N, C-alpha and C. Protein backbone atom coordinates (compact mmCIF):
# COMPACT_ATOMS: atom_id res chain seq x y z
N MET A 1 -4.65 -42.43 -24.16
CA MET A 1 -4.11 -41.54 -23.06
C MET A 1 -4.87 -40.29 -23.10
N ALA A 2 -5.10 -39.75 -21.73
CA ALA A 2 -5.82 -38.50 -21.59
C ALA A 2 -4.97 -37.35 -21.94
N LYS A 3 -5.64 -36.38 -22.67
CA LYS A 3 -4.90 -35.13 -23.06
C LYS A 3 -5.17 -34.15 -21.89
N PRO A 4 -4.09 -33.21 -21.72
CA PRO A 4 -4.23 -32.17 -20.72
C PRO A 4 -5.53 -31.39 -20.88
N SER A 5 -6.27 -31.18 -19.86
CA SER A 5 -7.56 -30.51 -19.94
C SER A 5 -7.57 -29.14 -19.19
N TYR A 6 -6.57 -28.71 -18.74
CA TYR A 6 -6.55 -27.42 -18.01
C TYR A 6 -6.83 -26.18 -18.87
N ARG A 7 -7.64 -25.31 -18.41
CA ARG A 7 -7.95 -24.06 -19.14
C ARG A 7 -7.73 -22.94 -18.16
N TYR A 8 -6.91 -21.99 -18.58
CA TYR A 8 -6.61 -20.83 -17.73
C TYR A 8 -7.71 -19.79 -17.86
N GLU A 9 -8.14 -19.23 -16.76
CA GLU A 9 -9.15 -18.22 -16.67
C GLU A 9 -8.55 -17.15 -15.81
N GLN A 10 -8.41 -15.94 -16.43
CA GLN A 10 -7.87 -14.81 -15.70
C GLN A 10 -8.74 -14.34 -14.64
N HIS A 11 -8.25 -14.05 -13.46
CA HIS A 11 -9.02 -13.52 -12.39
C HIS A 11 -9.50 -12.14 -12.71
N PRO A 12 -10.78 -11.71 -12.45
CA PRO A 12 -11.32 -10.38 -12.82
C PRO A 12 -10.51 -9.26 -12.19
N ARG A 13 -9.93 -9.46 -11.02
CA ARG A 13 -9.18 -8.40 -10.38
C ARG A 13 -7.97 -7.93 -11.21
N VAL A 14 -7.44 -8.79 -12.10
CA VAL A 14 -6.28 -8.37 -12.91
C VAL A 14 -6.57 -7.18 -13.71
N GLU A 15 -7.79 -7.22 -14.34
CA GLU A 15 -8.22 -6.10 -15.26
C GLU A 15 -8.53 -4.88 -14.35
N GLN A 16 -9.13 -4.97 -13.27
CA GLN A 16 -9.47 -3.94 -12.40
C GLN A 16 -8.26 -3.10 -11.90
N ARG A 17 -7.25 -3.89 -11.60
CA ARG A 17 -6.10 -3.26 -11.02
C ARG A 17 -5.24 -2.44 -12.03
N LYS A 18 -5.48 -2.73 -13.30
CA LYS A 18 -4.76 -1.96 -14.34
C LYS A 18 -5.07 -0.43 -14.23
N ASP A 19 -6.28 -0.07 -13.83
CA ASP A 19 -6.64 1.34 -13.75
C ASP A 19 -6.42 1.99 -12.37
N GLU A 20 -5.86 1.15 -11.54
CA GLU A 20 -5.68 1.67 -10.10
C GLU A 20 -4.13 1.82 -9.80
N HIS A 21 -3.94 2.72 -8.88
CA HIS A 21 -2.56 2.84 -8.34
C HIS A 21 -2.72 3.54 -7.06
N PRO A 22 -1.94 3.17 -6.03
CA PRO A 22 -2.18 3.84 -4.73
C PRO A 22 -1.80 5.30 -4.75
N SER A 23 -2.71 6.10 -4.34
CA SER A 23 -2.53 7.60 -4.39
C SER A 23 -1.69 8.06 -3.18
N SER A 24 -0.81 8.98 -3.40
CA SER A 24 0.01 9.50 -2.35
C SER A 24 -0.60 10.72 -1.66
N LYS A 25 -1.63 11.36 -2.31
CA LYS A 25 -2.27 12.53 -1.73
C LYS A 25 -3.76 12.50 -1.94
N PRO A 26 -4.52 12.96 -0.97
CA PRO A 26 -6.01 13.03 -1.15
C PRO A 26 -6.30 13.94 -2.27
N THR A 27 -7.28 13.57 -3.15
CA THR A 27 -7.59 14.44 -4.24
C THR A 27 -8.89 15.12 -3.91
N ALA A 28 -9.07 16.33 -4.58
CA ALA A 28 -10.21 17.19 -4.31
C ALA A 28 -11.50 16.47 -4.62
N ASP A 29 -11.57 15.60 -5.59
CA ASP A 29 -12.82 14.90 -5.91
C ASP A 29 -13.15 13.79 -4.94
N ARG A 30 -12.27 13.53 -4.00
CA ARG A 30 -12.60 12.45 -2.93
C ARG A 30 -12.81 13.06 -1.68
N ILE A 31 -12.61 14.41 -1.46
CA ILE A 31 -12.86 14.89 -0.11
C ILE A 31 -13.72 16.14 -0.17
N GLY A 32 -14.49 16.37 0.78
CA GLY A 32 -15.40 17.53 0.78
C GLY A 32 -14.76 18.69 1.46
N LEU A 33 -15.53 19.81 1.61
CA LEU A 33 -15.08 21.07 2.13
C LEU A 33 -14.48 20.95 3.55
N ASN A 34 -15.24 20.30 4.35
CA ASN A 34 -14.76 20.12 5.75
C ASN A 34 -13.40 19.34 5.84
N GLU A 35 -13.29 18.41 5.07
CA GLU A 35 -12.10 17.50 4.93
C GLU A 35 -10.88 18.44 4.44
N ARG A 36 -11.15 19.27 3.41
CA ARG A 36 -10.07 20.11 2.87
C ARG A 36 -9.62 21.16 3.99
N VAL A 37 -10.66 21.72 4.66
CA VAL A 37 -10.28 22.59 5.70
C VAL A 37 -9.34 21.96 6.80
N GLY A 38 -9.86 20.79 7.18
CA GLY A 38 -9.13 19.95 8.20
C GLY A 38 -7.72 19.62 7.74
N LEU A 39 -7.66 19.23 6.40
CA LEU A 39 -6.32 18.97 5.77
C LEU A 39 -5.33 20.12 5.84
N VAL A 40 -5.89 21.37 5.39
CA VAL A 40 -5.08 22.58 5.42
C VAL A 40 -4.60 22.88 6.84
N ILE A 41 -5.51 22.79 7.87
CA ILE A 41 -5.15 23.12 9.26
C ILE A 41 -4.10 22.06 9.73
N THR A 42 -4.32 20.82 9.43
CA THR A 42 -3.41 19.76 9.92
C THR A 42 -1.97 19.98 9.27
N LYS A 43 -1.98 20.26 7.99
CA LYS A 43 -0.73 20.54 7.43
C LYS A 43 0.00 21.81 8.02
N GLY A 44 -0.78 22.78 8.30
CA GLY A 44 -0.17 24.00 8.94
C GLY A 44 0.27 23.68 10.32
N VAL A 45 -0.51 23.05 11.19
CA VAL A 45 -0.11 22.84 12.56
C VAL A 45 0.91 21.73 12.66
N GLY A 46 0.93 20.79 11.76
CA GLY A 46 1.92 19.60 11.76
C GLY A 46 3.29 20.00 11.22
N THR A 47 3.82 21.08 11.67
CA THR A 47 5.15 21.51 11.26
C THR A 47 5.98 21.89 12.48
N MET A 48 7.30 21.73 12.36
CA MET A 48 8.08 22.21 13.53
C MET A 48 7.99 23.76 13.69
N TRP A 49 7.79 24.41 12.56
CA TRP A 49 7.61 25.88 12.73
C TRP A 49 6.38 26.27 13.63
N ALA A 50 5.34 25.52 13.56
CA ALA A 50 4.21 25.65 14.35
C ALA A 50 4.58 25.37 15.78
N ALA A 51 5.37 24.36 16.03
CA ALA A 51 5.78 24.00 17.43
C ALA A 51 6.59 25.23 17.92
N TYR A 52 7.46 25.81 17.18
CA TYR A 52 8.23 26.94 17.67
C TYR A 52 7.35 28.19 18.01
N VAL A 53 6.38 28.35 17.15
CA VAL A 53 5.48 29.53 17.42
C VAL A 53 4.61 29.17 18.73
N PHE A 54 4.12 28.02 18.78
CA PHE A 54 3.32 27.65 19.91
C PHE A 54 4.21 27.73 21.22
N PHE A 55 5.49 27.31 21.14
CA PHE A 55 6.39 27.41 22.31
C PHE A 55 6.56 28.90 22.68
N ALA A 56 6.75 29.78 21.74
CA ALA A 56 6.87 31.21 21.99
C ALA A 56 5.51 31.72 22.73
N LEU A 57 4.38 31.25 22.10
CA LEU A 57 3.05 31.63 22.67
C LEU A 57 2.93 31.24 24.23
N THR A 58 3.39 30.03 24.46
CA THR A 58 3.30 29.60 25.85
C THR A 58 4.13 30.38 26.76
N LEU A 59 5.15 30.98 26.31
CA LEU A 59 6.10 31.83 27.22
C LEU A 59 5.43 33.07 27.61
N VAL A 60 4.28 33.47 26.92
CA VAL A 60 3.63 34.82 27.28
C VAL A 60 2.95 34.59 28.65
N SER A 61 2.38 33.42 28.89
CA SER A 61 1.66 33.18 30.18
C SER A 61 2.58 32.65 31.26
N LEU A 62 3.78 32.21 30.86
CA LEU A 62 4.73 31.63 31.93
C LEU A 62 5.05 32.60 33.11
N PRO A 63 5.28 33.86 32.87
CA PRO A 63 5.59 34.68 34.02
C PRO A 63 4.46 34.83 35.04
N ALA A 64 3.26 34.90 34.46
CA ALA A 64 2.11 35.08 35.38
C ALA A 64 1.94 33.74 36.20
N ALA A 65 2.18 32.62 35.64
CA ALA A 65 2.01 31.33 36.26
C ALA A 65 3.02 31.21 37.38
N LEU A 66 4.34 31.66 37.13
CA LEU A 66 5.39 31.56 38.06
C LEU A 66 5.18 32.47 39.18
N ALA A 67 4.65 33.76 38.85
CA ALA A 67 4.47 34.74 39.77
C ALA A 67 3.37 34.44 40.81
N SER A 68 2.47 33.56 40.42
CA SER A 68 1.34 33.23 41.35
C SER A 68 1.91 32.36 42.50
N GLY A 69 2.96 31.69 42.29
CA GLY A 69 3.51 30.86 43.32
C GLY A 69 2.69 29.60 43.76
N ASN A 70 1.58 29.50 43.02
CA ASN A 70 0.59 28.42 43.28
C ASN A 70 1.01 27.23 42.40
N THR A 71 1.43 26.15 43.14
CA THR A 71 1.79 24.85 42.39
C THR A 71 0.75 24.41 41.45
N LEU A 72 -0.46 24.52 41.81
CA LEU A 72 -1.52 24.00 40.89
C LEU A 72 -1.52 24.77 39.61
N ILE A 73 -1.38 26.12 39.62
CA ILE A 73 -1.39 26.96 38.52
C ILE A 73 -0.16 26.69 37.66
N ILE A 74 0.98 26.47 38.25
CA ILE A 74 2.23 26.23 37.51
C ILE A 74 2.09 24.80 36.83
N VAL A 75 1.57 23.85 37.50
CA VAL A 75 1.43 22.48 36.88
C VAL A 75 0.33 22.60 35.74
N SER A 76 -0.72 23.33 36.03
CA SER A 76 -1.78 23.54 34.99
C SER A 76 -1.13 24.24 33.72
N TRP A 77 -0.27 25.24 33.97
CA TRP A 77 0.38 25.85 32.83
C TRP A 77 1.25 24.83 32.07
N LEU A 78 1.96 24.07 32.77
CA LEU A 78 2.80 23.14 32.18
C LEU A 78 1.97 22.04 31.36
N ALA A 79 0.94 21.48 31.95
CA ALA A 79 0.15 20.39 31.32
C ALA A 79 -0.81 20.98 30.29
N GLN A 80 -1.48 22.01 30.59
CA GLN A 80 -2.51 22.46 29.59
C GLN A 80 -1.97 23.44 28.60
N THR A 81 -1.00 24.21 28.93
CA THR A 81 -0.54 25.21 28.00
C THR A 81 0.69 24.73 27.29
N PHE A 82 1.72 24.50 27.95
CA PHE A 82 3.06 24.06 27.29
C PHE A 82 2.88 22.70 26.51
N LEU A 83 2.56 21.68 27.32
CA LEU A 83 2.55 20.40 26.73
C LEU A 83 1.59 20.17 25.52
N GLN A 84 0.36 20.74 25.77
CA GLN A 84 -0.63 20.65 24.76
C GLN A 84 -0.30 21.42 23.48
N LEU A 85 0.09 22.59 23.67
CA LEU A 85 0.43 23.54 22.51
C LEU A 85 1.68 23.10 21.80
N VAL A 86 2.67 22.73 22.50
CA VAL A 86 4.00 22.37 21.84
C VAL A 86 4.04 20.94 21.36
N LEU A 87 3.51 20.02 22.21
CA LEU A 87 3.58 18.67 21.78
C LEU A 87 2.65 18.34 20.52
N LEU A 88 1.58 19.02 20.43
CA LEU A 88 0.58 18.66 19.40
C LEU A 88 1.28 18.78 18.00
N PRO A 89 1.87 19.90 17.58
CA PRO A 89 2.54 19.85 16.25
C PRO A 89 3.67 18.95 16.12
N ILE A 90 4.37 18.65 17.31
CA ILE A 90 5.56 17.74 17.17
C ILE A 90 5.02 16.27 16.96
N ILE A 91 3.92 15.91 17.64
CA ILE A 91 3.33 14.61 17.43
C ILE A 91 2.80 14.50 15.86
N ILE A 92 2.14 15.57 15.43
CA ILE A 92 1.70 15.47 14.00
C ILE A 92 2.86 15.34 13.06
N VAL A 93 4.00 16.07 13.35
CA VAL A 93 5.15 15.86 12.47
C VAL A 93 5.61 14.43 12.50
N GLY A 94 5.68 13.75 13.62
CA GLY A 94 6.05 12.43 13.75
C GLY A 94 5.08 11.50 13.00
N GLN A 95 3.78 11.77 13.12
CA GLN A 95 2.81 11.01 12.48
C GLN A 95 2.89 11.09 10.96
N ASN A 96 3.18 12.32 10.46
CA ASN A 96 3.35 12.57 9.01
C ASN A 96 4.54 11.73 8.53
N LEU A 97 5.60 11.73 9.28
CA LEU A 97 6.81 10.95 8.90
C LEU A 97 6.51 9.47 8.83
N GLN A 98 5.75 8.97 9.83
CA GLN A 98 5.37 7.57 9.87
C GLN A 98 4.37 7.26 8.67
N ALA A 99 3.48 8.16 8.38
CA ALA A 99 2.54 7.92 7.31
C ALA A 99 3.29 7.95 5.92
N LYS A 100 4.22 8.77 5.76
CA LYS A 100 5.02 8.71 4.56
C LYS A 100 5.74 7.47 4.31
N ASP A 101 6.33 6.99 5.43
CA ASP A 101 7.05 5.72 5.38
C ASP A 101 6.06 4.53 5.08
N ALA A 102 4.90 4.56 5.66
CA ALA A 102 3.86 3.53 5.45
C ALA A 102 3.40 3.59 3.95
N GLU A 103 3.33 4.80 3.53
CA GLU A 103 2.88 5.05 2.14
C GLU A 103 3.92 4.47 1.14
N ARG A 104 5.12 4.72 1.42
CA ARG A 104 6.25 4.17 0.64
C ARG A 104 6.25 2.69 0.58
N ARG A 105 6.01 2.03 1.77
CA ARG A 105 5.95 0.63 1.80
C ARG A 105 4.73 0.08 1.04
N ALA A 106 3.57 0.84 1.12
CA ALA A 106 2.35 0.34 0.45
C ALA A 106 2.58 0.46 -1.04
N ILE A 107 3.14 1.50 -1.54
CA ILE A 107 3.49 1.56 -3.00
C ILE A 107 4.46 0.48 -3.43
N ALA A 108 5.41 0.23 -2.68
CA ALA A 108 6.41 -0.78 -3.00
C ALA A 108 5.66 -2.14 -3.00
N THR A 109 4.76 -2.42 -2.08
CA THR A 109 4.01 -3.70 -2.08
C THR A 109 3.09 -3.73 -3.31
N TYR A 110 2.48 -2.69 -3.62
CA TYR A 110 1.63 -2.61 -4.79
C TYR A 110 2.42 -2.88 -6.09
N GLU A 111 3.63 -2.26 -6.22
CA GLU A 111 4.47 -2.58 -7.38
C GLU A 111 5.04 -3.94 -7.33
N ASP A 112 5.33 -4.46 -6.22
CA ASP A 112 5.75 -5.92 -6.04
C ASP A 112 4.68 -6.82 -6.53
N ALA A 113 3.44 -6.56 -6.10
CA ALA A 113 2.34 -7.37 -6.56
C ALA A 113 2.14 -7.36 -8.08
N GLY A 114 2.31 -6.19 -8.68
CA GLY A 114 2.24 -6.03 -10.16
C GLY A 114 3.26 -6.89 -10.77
N ALA A 115 4.54 -6.86 -10.29
CA ALA A 115 5.59 -7.64 -10.88
C ALA A 115 5.38 -9.10 -10.68
N ILE A 116 4.89 -9.51 -9.55
CA ILE A 116 4.57 -10.88 -9.40
C ILE A 116 3.46 -11.39 -10.36
N LEU A 117 2.44 -10.48 -10.58
CA LEU A 117 1.39 -10.70 -11.54
C LEU A 117 1.98 -10.97 -12.88
N GLU A 118 2.87 -10.07 -13.29
CA GLU A 118 3.48 -10.24 -14.67
C GLU A 118 4.31 -11.56 -14.71
N GLU A 119 5.03 -11.86 -13.68
CA GLU A 119 5.82 -13.20 -13.65
C GLU A 119 4.87 -14.30 -13.72
N THR A 120 3.82 -14.24 -13.09
CA THR A 120 2.80 -15.32 -13.07
C THR A 120 2.25 -15.49 -14.43
N LYS A 121 1.95 -14.41 -15.13
CA LYS A 121 1.43 -14.48 -16.53
C LYS A 121 2.44 -15.17 -17.45
N GLU A 122 3.77 -14.86 -17.24
CA GLU A 122 4.74 -15.50 -17.93
C GLU A 122 4.83 -16.98 -17.74
N ILE A 123 4.68 -17.35 -16.39
CA ILE A 123 4.73 -18.81 -16.04
C ILE A 123 3.53 -19.50 -16.74
N GLN A 124 2.38 -18.74 -16.69
CA GLN A 124 1.22 -19.32 -17.34
C GLN A 124 1.40 -19.58 -18.83
N SER A 125 1.99 -18.61 -19.51
CA SER A 125 2.27 -18.76 -20.89
C SER A 125 3.26 -19.99 -21.17
N HIS A 126 4.22 -20.09 -20.37
CA HIS A 126 5.18 -21.25 -20.41
C HIS A 126 4.44 -22.58 -20.21
N LEU A 127 3.54 -22.62 -19.24
CA LEU A 127 2.81 -23.81 -19.00
C LEU A 127 1.89 -24.17 -20.16
N LEU A 128 1.31 -23.15 -20.78
CA LEU A 128 0.50 -23.37 -21.98
C LEU A 128 1.29 -23.99 -23.17
N ASP A 129 2.51 -23.46 -23.32
CA ASP A 129 3.48 -24.02 -24.28
C ASP A 129 3.81 -25.39 -24.01
N GLN A 130 4.04 -25.72 -22.73
CA GLN A 130 4.34 -27.14 -22.27
C GLN A 130 3.18 -27.98 -22.56
N ASP A 131 1.81 -27.52 -22.33
CA ASP A 131 0.71 -28.31 -22.62
C ASP A 131 0.64 -28.65 -24.06
N LYS A 132 0.95 -27.70 -24.92
CA LYS A 132 0.88 -27.99 -26.40
C LYS A 132 1.88 -28.99 -26.76
N ALA A 133 3.12 -28.87 -26.19
CA ALA A 133 4.21 -29.88 -26.50
C ALA A 133 3.81 -31.24 -25.99
N LEU A 134 3.25 -31.34 -24.72
CA LEU A 134 2.82 -32.61 -24.24
C LEU A 134 1.66 -33.20 -25.05
N THR A 135 0.74 -32.34 -25.52
CA THR A 135 -0.34 -32.91 -26.35
C THR A 135 0.13 -33.41 -27.61
N HIS A 136 1.12 -32.76 -28.24
CA HIS A 136 1.78 -33.18 -29.44
C HIS A 136 2.46 -34.53 -29.25
N LEU A 137 3.21 -34.64 -28.13
CA LEU A 137 3.92 -35.91 -27.75
C LEU A 137 2.87 -37.04 -27.61
N ILE A 138 1.72 -36.81 -26.88
CA ILE A 138 0.79 -37.70 -26.65
C ILE A 138 0.19 -38.28 -28.01
N ASP A 139 -0.09 -37.18 -28.88
CA ASP A 139 -0.65 -37.60 -30.22
C ASP A 139 0.32 -38.54 -30.96
N ARG A 140 1.59 -38.17 -30.90
CA ARG A 140 2.62 -39.02 -31.59
C ARG A 140 2.72 -40.31 -30.92
N MET A 141 2.67 -40.46 -29.64
CA MET A 141 2.69 -41.76 -28.97
C MET A 141 1.55 -42.68 -29.35
N GLU A 142 0.34 -42.04 -29.39
CA GLU A 142 -0.84 -42.77 -29.86
C GLU A 142 -0.68 -43.25 -31.19
N THR A 143 -0.14 -42.42 -32.11
CA THR A 143 0.12 -42.86 -33.52
C THR A 143 1.06 -44.00 -33.52
N LEU A 144 2.17 -43.95 -32.74
CA LEU A 144 3.17 -44.99 -32.68
C LEU A 144 2.52 -46.18 -32.13
N GLU A 145 1.70 -46.14 -31.11
CA GLU A 145 1.03 -47.41 -30.55
C GLU A 145 0.12 -47.98 -31.58
N LYS A 146 -0.59 -47.23 -32.43
CA LYS A 146 -1.32 -47.86 -33.46
C LYS A 146 -0.47 -48.53 -34.52
N ILE A 147 0.67 -47.89 -34.83
CA ILE A 147 1.62 -48.62 -35.73
C ILE A 147 2.13 -49.86 -35.17
N VAL A 148 2.48 -49.89 -33.95
CA VAL A 148 2.96 -51.01 -33.28
C VAL A 148 1.93 -52.08 -33.28
N ALA A 149 0.81 -51.74 -32.87
CA ALA A 149 -0.34 -52.64 -32.81
C ALA A 149 -0.63 -53.30 -34.11
N LYS A 150 -0.46 -52.66 -35.21
CA LYS A 150 -0.67 -53.17 -36.55
C LYS A 150 0.42 -54.16 -36.89
N GLN A 151 1.65 -53.73 -36.50
CA GLN A 151 2.79 -54.62 -36.74
C GLN A 151 2.68 -55.91 -35.98
N VAL A 152 2.27 -55.80 -34.74
CA VAL A 152 2.10 -56.99 -33.89
C VAL A 152 1.03 -57.85 -34.41
N GLY A 153 0.02 -57.24 -34.87
CA GLY A 153 -1.18 -57.95 -35.49
C GLY A 153 -0.76 -58.70 -36.71
N LYS A 154 0.12 -58.16 -37.53
CA LYS A 154 0.58 -58.81 -38.73
C LYS A 154 1.40 -60.09 -38.46
N ASN A 155 2.05 -60.04 -37.33
CA ASN A 155 2.97 -61.14 -37.00
C ASN A 155 2.26 -62.32 -36.40
């Protein structure tokens, strides 16, 4: 009878992932000066407080736009001043919320993958134990076959 010949070889990625974990924030060693400045500005503008300040700022030019009586100037004020200044921080706030949710899901997926990896290692260990037990049974069967063959040969 043939003995089990499977040999487990761990995938190299298993060792690599031990030192990794999804980061929730950019670190200074991964970003340069321009990126840091952009990050600070984005964090500052991407708040509802910035939206309130920008809304107040747009009100400064509203009386002049209305006083002109020119429809084009009023529409321009609405589109270029109000919507751009006020909606920009509100959109960033929404994107930040979406990014946090995506990050939460990514970390959960990473942790799920780690749990699955550990479960798979346990299954592999169990299978190796079964291989040993099967090999032992096969050896015993071969021994019994030899004994039976001798007994049959004597008769």
